[in-house]
């Protein structure tokens, strides 16, 4: 999901609880915070020597491990206020892919993408999913892709 799409989603669902499911059936505690919003510009060279650049927005979610009181769940309005504060200091790239960084004592810290979005009258529920590593230059690495899985013809250089 692009950053602008997420902002629009929040705007269309004002005053709802914003709930994150970080793995199937496991949700952030109600007292989680948005602690950082990061603009990332990535410059990379893949294994085949191809130069790549792209942008990401990473929103860091944090649970207070010392809290005995879980409080109330963040609402979409509060998340928008945080994003607006960030925008006033460091404008976000609306076309950047959106990711979430999260971890707690039961789940390793990692960066995840949005897998699914559900909503009801009271809540917007964002299900997060893993980002899989992949070889971006399979042809140069000699990795053969089965024809059924390929989106281009073998040897065409499009992959």
C-alpha atoms as a PDB file:
ATOM      1  CA  UNK A   1       0.000   0.000   0.000  1.00  0.00           C
ATOM      2  CA  UNK A   2       1.227   3.482  -0.828  1.00  0.00           C
ATOM      3  CA  UNK A   3       1.599   6.089   1.936  1.00  0.00           C
ATOM      4  CA  UNK A   4      -1.093   8.352   0.448  1.00  0.00           C
ATOM      5  CA  UNK A   5      -3.538   5.430   0.256  1.00  0.00           C
ATOM      6  CA  UNK A   6      -3.067   4.780   3.977  1.00  0.00           C
ATOM      7  CA  UNK A   7      -3.591   8.444   4.843  1.00  0.00           C
ATOM      8  CA  UNK A   8      -6.803   8.476   2.769  1.00  0.00           C
ATOM      9  CA  UNK A   9      -7.965   5.291   4.508  1.00  0.00           C
ATOM     10  CA  UNK A  10      -7.498   6.948   7.901  1.00  0.00           C
ATOM     11  CA  UNK A  11      -9.328  10.076   6.728  1.00  0.00           C
ATOM     12  CA  UNK A  12     -12.292   7.990   5.527  1.00  0.00           C
ATOM     13  CA  UNK A  13     -12.484   6.183   8.872  1.00  0.00           C
ATOM     14  CA  UNK A  14     -12.209   9.012  11.389  1.00  0.00           C
ATOM     15  CA  UNK A  15     -12.773   8.276  15.085  1.00  0.00           C
ATOM     16  CA  UNK A  16     -12.395   4.517  14.709  1.00  0.00           C
ATOM     17  CA  UNK A  17     -10.021   2.413  16.752  1.00  0.00           C
ATOM     18  CA  UNK A  18      -6.825   1.639  14.833  1.00  0.00           C
ATOM     19  CA  UNK A  19      -5.884  -1.959  15.549  1.00  0.00           C
ATOM     20  CA  UNK A  20      -2.863  -3.842  14.203  1.00  0.00           C
ATOM     21  CA  UNK A  21      -2.715  -7.625  13.857  1.00  0.00           C
ATOM     22  CA  UNK A  22       0.994  -8.430  13.686  1.00  0.00           C
ATOM     23  CA  UNK A  23       0.482 -12.162  13.121  1.00  0.00           C
ATOM     24  CA  UNK A  24      -2.638 -14.261  12.750  1.00  0.00           C
ATOM     25  CA  UNK A  25      -4.752 -13.824  15.879  1.00  0.00           C
ATOM     26  CA  UNK A  26      -2.164 -11.635  17.676  1.00  0.00           C
ATOM     27  CA  UNK A  27      -2.840  -7.924  18.079  1.00  0.00           C
ATOM     28  CA  UNK A  28      -0.869  -4.969  19.417  1.00  0.00           C
ATOM     29  CA  UNK A  29      -1.739  -4.009  22.975  1.00  0.00           C
ATOM     30  CA  UNK A  30      -4.253  -1.167  23.242  1.00  0.00           C
ATOM     31  CA  UNK A  31      -1.565   1.157  24.646  1.00  0.00           C
ATOM     32  CA  UNK A  32       0.716   0.956  21.595  1.00  0.00           C
ATOM     33  CA  UNK A  33       2.244   4.179  20.259  1.00  0.00           C
ATOM     34  CA  UNK A  34       3.450   5.388  16.887  1.00  0.00           C
ATOM     35  CA  UNK A  35       6.982   6.284  17.905  1.00  0.00           C
ATOM     36  CA  UNK A  36       8.565   7.148  14.552  1.00  0.00           C
ATOM     37  CA  UNK A  37       7.647   7.743  10.950  1.00  0.00           C
ATOM     38  CA  UNK A  38      10.634   7.212   8.690  1.00  0.00           C
ATOM     39  CA  UNK A  39      11.247   8.415   5.124  1.00  0.00           C
ATOM     40  CA  UNK A  40      13.596   5.925   3.520  1.00  0.00           C
ATOM     41  CA  UNK A  41      15.380   6.377   0.207  1.00  0.00           C
ATOM     42  CA  UNK A  42      17.014   3.116  -0.710  1.00  0.00           C
ATOM     43  CA  UNK A  43      19.890   2.793  -3.153  1.00  0.00           C
ATOM     44  CA  UNK A  44      20.885  -0.787  -3.829  1.00  0.00           C
ATOM     45  CA  UNK A  45      22.941  -2.939  -6.151  1.00  0.00           C
ATOM     46  CA  UNK A  46      21.535  -6.418  -6.668  1.00  0.00           C
ATOM     47  CA  UNK A  47      23.532  -9.627  -7.042  1.00  0.00           C
ATOM     48  CA  UNK A  48      23.627  -9.252 -10.836  1.00  0.00           C
ATOM     49  CA  UNK A  49      25.035  -5.720 -10.635  1.00  0.00           C
ATOM     50  CA  UNK A  50      21.725  -3.970 -11.338  1.00  0.00           C
ATOM     51  CA  UNK A  51      21.339  -0.594  -9.649  1.00  0.00           C
ATOM     52  CA  UNK A  52      17.964   0.048  -8.030  1.00  0.00           C
ATOM     53  CA  UNK A  53      16.402   2.885  -6.068  1.00  0.00           C
ATOM     54  CA  UNK A  54      13.060   3.133  -4.294  1.00  0.00           C
ATOM     55  CA  UNK A  55      11.350   4.885  -1.405  1.00  0.00           C
ATOM     56  CA  UNK A  56       9.549   3.514   1.617  1.00  0.00           C
ATOM     57  CA  UNK A  57       7.684   5.012   4.548  1.00  0.00           C
ATOM     58  CA  UNK A  58       8.136   3.021   7.755  1.00  0.00           C
ATOM     59  CA  UNK A  59       5.837   3.625  10.716  1.00  0.00           C
ATOM     60  CA  UNK A  60       7.252   2.244  13.958  1.00  0.00           C
ATOM     61  CA  UNK A  61       4.758   0.839  16.462  1.00  0.00           C
ATOM     62  CA  UNK A  62       5.783   0.357  20.092  1.00  0.00           C
ATOM     63  CA  UNK A  63       4.186  -1.185  23.169  1.00  0.00           C
ATOM     64  CA  UNK A  64       5.263  -0.028  26.599  1.00  0.00           C
ATOM     65  CA  UNK A  65       6.692  -3.189  28.205  1.00  0.00           C
ATOM     66  CA  UNK A  66       6.560  -1.542  31.656  1.00  0.00           C
ATOM     67  CA  UNK A  67       2.888  -0.636  31.580  1.00  0.00           C
ATOM     68  CA  UNK A  68       0.432  -2.396  33.857  1.00  0.00           C
ATOM     69  CA  UNK A  69      -2.515  -0.447  32.498  1.00  0.00           C
ATOM     70  CA  UNK A  70      -3.307  -1.021  28.857  1.00  0.00           C
ATOM     71  CA  UNK A  71      -5.320   2.165  28.346  1.00  0.00           C
ATOM     72  CA  UNK A  72      -7.408   2.697  25.242  1.00  0.00           C
ATOM     73  CA  UNK A  73      -6.643   1.881  21.645  1.00  0.00           C
ATOM     74  CA  UNK A  74      -5.308   4.651  19.415  1.00  0.00           C
ATOM     75  CA  UNK A  75      -7.892   6.150  17.112  1.00  0.00           C
ATOM     76  CA  UNK A  76      -7.448   6.992  13.463  1.00  0.00           C
ATOM     77  CA  UNK A  77      -7.634  10.734  14.298  1.00  0.00           C
ATOM     78  CA  UNK A  78      -4.598  10.451  16.592  1.00  0.00           C
ATOM     79  CA  UNK A  79      -2.629   8.552  13.938  1.00  0.00           C
ATOM     80  CA  UNK A  80      -3.489  11.294  11.429  1.00  0.00           C
ATOM     81  CA  UNK A  81      -2.324  13.985  13.881  1.00  0.00           C
ATOM     82  CA  UNK A  82       1.022  12.218  14.225  1.00  0.00           C
ATOM     83  CA  UNK A  83       1.398  11.877  10.454  1.00  0.00           C
ATOM     84  CA  UNK A  84       0.480  15.560   9.973  1.00  0.00           C
ATOM     85  CA  UNK A  85       3.119  16.558  12.553  1.00  0.00           C
ATOM     86  CA  UNK A  86       5.680  14.475  10.671  1.00  0.00           C
ATOM     87  CA  UNK A  87       4.581  16.012   7.346  1.00  0.00           C
ATOM     88  CA  UNK A  88       5.164  19.513   8.749  1.00  0.00           C
ATOM     89  CA  UNK A  89       8.787  18.628   9.591  1.00  0.00           C
ATOM     90  CA  UNK A  90       9.699  16.047   6.948  1.00  0.00           C
ATOM     91  CA  UNK A  91       7.207  15.709   4.079  1.00  0.00           C
ATOM     92  CA  UNK A  92       6.394  12.100   3.247  1.00  0.00           C
ATOM     93  CA  UNK A  93       6.565  10.670  -0.247  1.00  0.00           C
ATOM     94  CA  UNK A  94       2.940   9.740  -0.881  1.00  0.00           C
ATOM     95  CA  UNK A  95       3.921   7.229  -3.570  1.00  0.00           C
ATOM     96  CA  UNK A  96       6.358   5.386  -1.277  1.00  0.00           C
ATOM     97  CA  UNK A  97       5.447   1.872  -0.182  1.00  0.00           C
ATOM     98  CA  UNK A  98       4.209   1.830   3.399  1.00  0.00           C
ATOM     99  CA  UNK A  99       5.703  -0.560   5.944  1.00  0.00           C
ATOM    100  CA  UNK A 100       5.311  -1.034   9.694  1.00  0.00           C
ATOM    101  CA  UNK A 101       8.098  -1.863  12.138  1.00  0.00           C
ATOM    102  CA  UNK A 102       6.945  -3.743  15.198  1.00  0.00           C
ATOM    103  CA  UNK A 103       8.060  -6.209  17.828  1.00  0.00           C
ATOM    104  CA  UNK A 104       7.323  -7.178  21.414  1.00  0.00           C
ATOM    105  CA  UNK A 105       8.540  -9.765  23.921  1.00  0.00           C
ATOM    106  CA  UNK A 106       6.565 -12.503  22.119  1.00  0.00           C
ATOM    107  CA  UNK A 107       7.372 -11.455  18.529  1.00  0.00           C
ATOM    108  CA  UNK A 108      10.715 -10.522  16.968  1.00  0.00           C
ATOM    109  CA  UNK A 109      11.054  -6.957  15.705  1.00  0.00           C
ATOM    110  CA  UNK A 110      10.689  -6.769  11.951  1.00  0.00           C
ATOM    111  CA  UNK A 111       9.336  -4.616   9.152  1.00  0.00           C
ATOM    112  CA  UNK A 112       6.046  -5.794   7.661  1.00  0.00           C
ATOM    113  CA  UNK A 113       3.700  -4.716   4.906  1.00  0.00           C
ATOM    114  CA  UNK A 114      -0.078  -4.496   4.982  1.00  0.00           C
ATOM    115  CA  UNK A 115      -1.553  -7.892   4.151  1.00  0.00           C
ATOM    116  CA  UNK A 116      -5.231  -7.142   4.656  1.00  0.00           C
ATOM    117  CA  UNK A 117      -7.561  -4.423   5.919  1.00  0.00           C
ATOM    118  CA  UNK A 118     -10.851  -5.071   7.684  1.00  0.00           C
ATOM    119  CA  UNK A 119     -13.249  -2.553   9.142  1.00  0.00           C
ATOM    120  CA  UNK A 120     -16.468  -2.346  11.047  1.00  0.00           C
ATOM    121  CA  UNK A 121     -18.415   0.467  12.696  1.00  0.00           C
ATOM    122  CA  UNK A 122     -15.916   0.775  15.562  1.00  0.00           C
ATOM    123  CA  UNK A 123     -12.515  -0.224  14.201  1.00  0.00           C
ATOM    124  CA  UNK A 124     -10.060  -0.288  11.345  1.00  0.00           C
ATOM    125  CA  UNK A 125      -8.043  -3.498  11.607  1.00  0.00           C
ATOM    126  CA  UNK A 126      -4.738  -3.618   9.755  1.00  0.00           C
ATOM    127  CA  UNK A 127      -3.304  -7.127   9.332  1.00  0.00           C
ATOM    128  CA  UNK A 128       0.433  -7.109   8.746  1.00  0.00           C
ATOM    129  CA  UNK A 129       2.390  -9.693   6.807  1.00  0.00           C
ATOM    130  CA  UNK A 130       5.970 -10.589   6.169  1.00  0.00           C
ATOM    131  CA  UNK A 131       8.034  -9.209   3.326  1.00  0.00           C
ATOM    132  CA  UNK A 132       9.823 -12.073   1.607  1.00  0.00           C
ATOM    133  CA  UNK A 133      13.389 -11.808   0.371  1.00  0.00           C
ATOM    134  CA  UNK A 134      13.859 -12.491  -3.323  1.00  0.00           C
ATOM    135  CA  UNK A 135      16.684 -12.596  -5.841  1.00  0.00           C
ATOM    136  CA  UNK A 136      16.066  -9.673  -8.189  1.00  0.00           C
ATOM    137  CA  UNK A 137      18.373 -10.883 -10.970  1.00  0.00           C
ATOM    138  CA  UNK A 138      17.655 -14.601 -11.220  1.00  0.00           C
ATOM    139  CA  UNK A 139      18.940 -14.835 -14.789  1.00  0.00           C
ATOM    140  CA  UNK A 140      22.391 -13.444 -13.879  1.00  0.00           C
ATOM    141  CA  UNK A 141      22.528 -15.811 -10.899  1.00  0.00           C
ATOM    142  CA  UNK A 142      21.625 -18.836 -12.996  1.00  0.00           C
ATOM    143  CA  UNK A 143      18.356 -19.459 -11.193  1.00  0.00           C
ATOM    144  CA  UNK A 144      15.891 -21.125 -13.501  1.00  0.00           C
ATOM    145  CA  UNK A 145      12.245 -20.192 -13.098  1.00  0.00           C
ATOM    146  CA  UNK A 146       9.701 -22.870 -14.024  1.00  0.00           C
ATOM    147  CA  UNK A 147       7.860 -21.693 -17.146  1.00  0.00           C
ATOM    148  CA  UNK A 148       4.463 -21.965 -15.383  1.00  0.00           C
ATOM    149  CA  UNK A 149       5.609 -19.430 -12.734  1.00  0.00           C
ATOM    150  CA  UNK A 150       7.377 -17.065 -15.138  1.00  0.00           C
ATOM    151  CA  UNK A 151       5.599 -13.974 -16.386  1.00  0.00           C
ATOM    152  CA  UNK A 152       7.975 -13.663 -19.363  1.00  0.00           C
ATOM    153  CA  UNK A 153       9.597 -16.036 -21.791  1.00  0.00           C
ATOM    154  CA  UNK A 154      12.853 -17.726 -20.798  1.00  0.00           C
ATOM    155  CA  UNK A 155      15.939 -15.958 -22.117  1.00  0.00           C
ATOM    156  CA  UNK A 156      14.013 -12.782 -23.014  1.00  0.00           C
ATOM    157  CA  UNK A 157      15.876 -10.734 -20.398  1.00  0.00           C
ATOM    158  CA  UNK A 158      12.638  -9.251 -19.007  1.00  0.00           C
ATOM    159  CA  UNK A 159      13.075 -10.815 -15.570  1.00  0.00           C
END
